[in-house]
């Protein structure tokens, strides 16, 4: 997978996508709204079993207590956790469809640097090209296509592309 000004290039296709609402950055920080530049890897695939069939055998179901820790100084920062969980976190099981299907990346993981950014996922977009908090987002059908072809360890390259916007 390679991010280009036209979209994400993967398996011979260029797939329209949205990036962080503040663009790309080589110096990602928690809450900056930017997509981190670099060479990343896909680490996981999560799905909502009440909304989708299992997309691949390696996909993990998202349950009501599945969370992602975004508390910068916490020992579980940028890791999957289960609720109840007192520290700051993001719910994996959302009311909207954004996280019905999620590919996680190794950005600032597994040894998270405090404040270095968390939860850099590939997920469904709100609407075409609407900026994210740093993730890369796609139309639902395109995300399903990607999930069916990606595997743990698939490379995700985000080069520093001048002029790339959401």
Protein backbone atom coordinates (compact mmCIF):
# COMPACT_ATOMS: atom_id res chain seq x y z
CA UNK A 1 0.00 0.00 0.00
CA UNK A 2 1.34 3.39 -0.96
CA UNK A 3 -0.40 6.70 -0.35
CA UNK A 4 -0.30 8.90 -3.47
CA UNK A 5 -1.88 12.28 -4.29
CA UNK A 6 -4.61 10.34 -6.13
CA UNK A 7 -5.37 7.86 -3.32
CA UNK A 8 -4.01 4.63 -1.87
CA UNK A 9 -2.29 2.40 -4.43
CA UNK A 10 -2.79 -1.28 -3.58
CA UNK A 11 -2.93 -4.41 -5.74
CA UNK A 12 -3.01 -2.48 -9.00
CA UNK A 13 -5.78 -0.09 -7.97
CA UNK A 14 -5.76 3.50 -6.78
CA UNK A 15 -8.42 3.85 -4.11
CA UNK A 16 -9.82 7.26 -3.12
CA UNK A 17 -9.18 8.04 0.53
CA UNK A 18 -9.17 10.72 3.20
CA UNK A 19 -6.21 11.55 5.40
CA UNK A 20 -5.77 13.61 8.56
CA UNK A 21 -7.63 16.91 8.54
CA UNK A 22 -4.33 18.77 8.97
CA UNK A 23 -2.55 16.75 6.28
CA UNK A 24 0.63 14.71 6.64
CA UNK A 25 3.39 15.10 9.20
CA UNK A 26 6.82 13.60 9.84
CA UNK A 27 6.44 14.59 13.53
CA UNK A 28 3.12 13.09 14.68
CA UNK A 29 1.74 14.19 18.06
CA UNK A 30 -1.35 13.03 19.92
CA UNK A 31 -4.35 15.11 18.86
CA UNK A 32 -2.68 16.99 15.96
CA UNK A 33 -5.13 15.67 13.35
CA UNK A 34 -2.32 14.63 11.00
CA UNK A 35 -1.48 11.36 9.28
CA UNK A 36 2.05 10.23 10.12
CA UNK A 37 4.58 9.98 7.29
CA UNK A 38 6.59 6.77 7.28
CA UNK A 39 6.69 3.06 6.60
CA UNK A 40 4.06 1.29 8.61
CA UNK A 41 2.66 -2.24 8.80
CA UNK A 42 -0.84 -3.60 9.19
CA UNK A 43 -1.08 -5.27 12.60
CA UNK A 44 -4.72 -6.22 12.95
CA UNK A 45 -8.17 -6.40 11.40
CA UNK A 46 -11.27 -5.78 13.51
CA UNK A 47 -14.93 -5.96 12.48
CA UNK A 48 -18.41 -5.53 13.91
CA UNK A 49 -19.99 -9.02 13.82
CA UNK A 50 -23.45 -7.53 14.39
CA UNK A 51 -23.06 -5.50 11.17
CA UNK A 52 -20.69 -7.51 8.92
CA UNK A 53 -19.72 -11.07 8.20
CA UNK A 54 -16.13 -11.93 9.15
CA UNK A 55 -14.13 -10.45 6.25
CA UNK A 56 -11.14 -12.81 6.60
CA UNK A 57 -10.19 -15.67 8.92
CA UNK A 58 -7.70 -13.48 10.83
CA UNK A 59 -10.23 -10.71 11.60
CA UNK A 60 -11.16 -10.18 15.26
CA UNK A 61 -14.70 -9.26 16.32
CA UNK A 62 -15.28 -5.91 18.05
CA UNK A 63 -17.28 -6.37 21.22
CA UNK A 64 -19.01 -3.83 23.47
CA UNK A 65 -16.04 -3.58 25.86
CA UNK A 66 -13.31 -3.17 23.19
CA UNK A 67 -11.48 0.15 23.54
CA UNK A 68 -8.23 1.77 22.34
CA UNK A 69 -6.21 3.65 24.96
CA UNK A 70 -5.26 7.20 23.96
CA UNK A 71 -4.03 8.31 27.40
CA UNK A 72 -0.53 9.45 26.53
CA UNK A 73 1.16 8.65 29.85
CA UNK A 74 -0.67 5.38 30.52
CA UNK A 75 1.08 1.98 30.33
CA UNK A 76 -1.55 0.85 27.78
CA UNK A 77 -1.18 3.93 25.56
CA UNK A 78 -1.93 3.09 21.91
CA UNK A 79 -3.04 -0.45 22.72
CA UNK A 80 -6.29 -2.35 22.65
CA UNK A 81 -7.88 -2.53 26.10
CA UNK A 82 -11.19 -3.73 27.47
CA UNK A 83 -13.65 -1.75 29.53
CA UNK A 84 -14.34 -0.74 32.08
CA UNK A 85 -11.20 1.36 31.67
CA UNK A 86 -10.73 4.61 33.57
CA UNK A 87 -7.99 6.23 31.45
CA UNK A 88 -8.79 8.16 28.26
CA UNK A 89 -9.79 5.87 25.40
CA UNK A 90 -11.65 5.55 22.15
CA UNK A 91 -14.52 3.09 21.79
CA UNK A 92 -13.98 0.53 19.05
CA UNK A 93 -17.70 -0.29 18.96
CA UNK A 94 -19.18 2.99 17.76
CA UNK A 95 -22.78 3.95 17.06
CA UNK A 96 -21.77 5.23 13.61
CA UNK A 97 -20.25 2.92 10.97
CA UNK A 98 -16.70 4.39 10.97
CA UNK A 99 -15.20 1.43 12.86
CA UNK A 100 -17.38 -1.36 11.49
CA UNK A 101 -14.18 -2.55 9.80
CA UNK A 102 -10.77 -1.38 11.04
CA UNK A 103 -7.22 -2.22 10.02
CA UNK A 104 -4.78 -1.26 12.77
CA UNK A 105 -1.21 -0.15 12.08
CA UNK A 106 2.08 -0.28 13.93
CA UNK A 107 2.32 3.50 14.19
CA UNK A 108 3.82 4.14 17.67
CA UNK A 109 3.19 0.49 18.57
CA UNK A 110 3.94 -1.82 20.34
CA UNK A 111 6.36 0.34 22.35
CA UNK A 112 4.39 3.56 22.37
CA UNK A 113 6.19 6.85 22.92
CA UNK A 114 4.10 9.14 25.14
CA UNK A 115 2.39 11.83 23.06
CA UNK A 116 3.51 10.23 19.78
CA UNK A 117 0.00 9.58 18.50
CA UNK A 118 -2.38 6.69 18.82
CA UNK A 119 -5.04 4.78 16.91
CA UNK A 120 -3.73 5.32 13.37
CA UNK A 121 -6.21 3.06 11.60
CA UNK A 122 -7.60 2.41 8.14
CA UNK A 123 -11.36 2.76 8.51
CA UNK A 124 -14.54 3.94 6.78
CA UNK A 125 -14.89 7.64 6.00
CA UNK A 126 -17.73 9.90 7.18
CA UNK A 127 -18.18 11.13 3.64
CA UNK A 128 -15.87 11.34 0.63
CA UNK A 129 -12.55 12.98 1.45
CA UNK A 130 -13.68 14.28 4.88
CA UNK A 131 -10.51 14.68 6.98
CA UNK A 132 -9.78 12.32 9.86
CA UNK A 133 -7.97 12.68 13.19
CA UNK A 134 -4.91 11.10 11.53
CA UNK A 135 -6.24 7.83 10.14
CA UNK A 136 -6.70 6.96 6.48
CA UNK A 137 -10.37 6.52 5.60
CA UNK A 138 -12.20 4.97 2.65
CA UNK A 139 -15.62 4.27 1.21
CA UNK A 140 -17.06 1.15 2.84
CA UNK A 141 -16.87 -0.96 -0.34
CA UNK A 142 -13.24 0.01 -0.91
CA UNK A 143 -12.32 -0.72 2.70
CA UNK A 144 -13.88 -4.18 2.41
CA UNK A 145 -11.87 -4.76 -0.78
CA UNK A 146 -8.66 -3.72 0.99
CA UNK A 147 -9.42 -5.87 4.05
CA UNK A 148 -9.96 -8.94 1.87
CA UNK A 149 -6.44 -8.53 0.39
CA UNK A 150 -4.38 -7.21 3.29
CA UNK A 151 -2.67 -9.43 5.82
CA UNK A 152 -0.73 -8.91 9.03
CA UNK A 153 2.54 -7.27 8.05
CA UNK A 154 1.26 -5.68 4.83
CA UNK A 155 3.32 -2.53 4.30
CA UNK A 156 1.67 0.89 4.33
CA UNK A 157 3.93 3.62 2.95
CA UNK A 158 2.99 7.23 3.61
CA UNK A 159 5.56 9.42 1.83
CA UNK A 160 5.92 13.15 2.47
CA UNK A 161 3.77 14.33 -0.46
CA UNK A 162 3.84 18.08 -0.97
CA UNK A 163 0.39 19.55 -1.52
CA UNK A 164 -1.54 16.43 -0.51
CA UNK A 165 -4.75 17.37 1.24
CA UNK A 166 -7.84 15.56 2.43
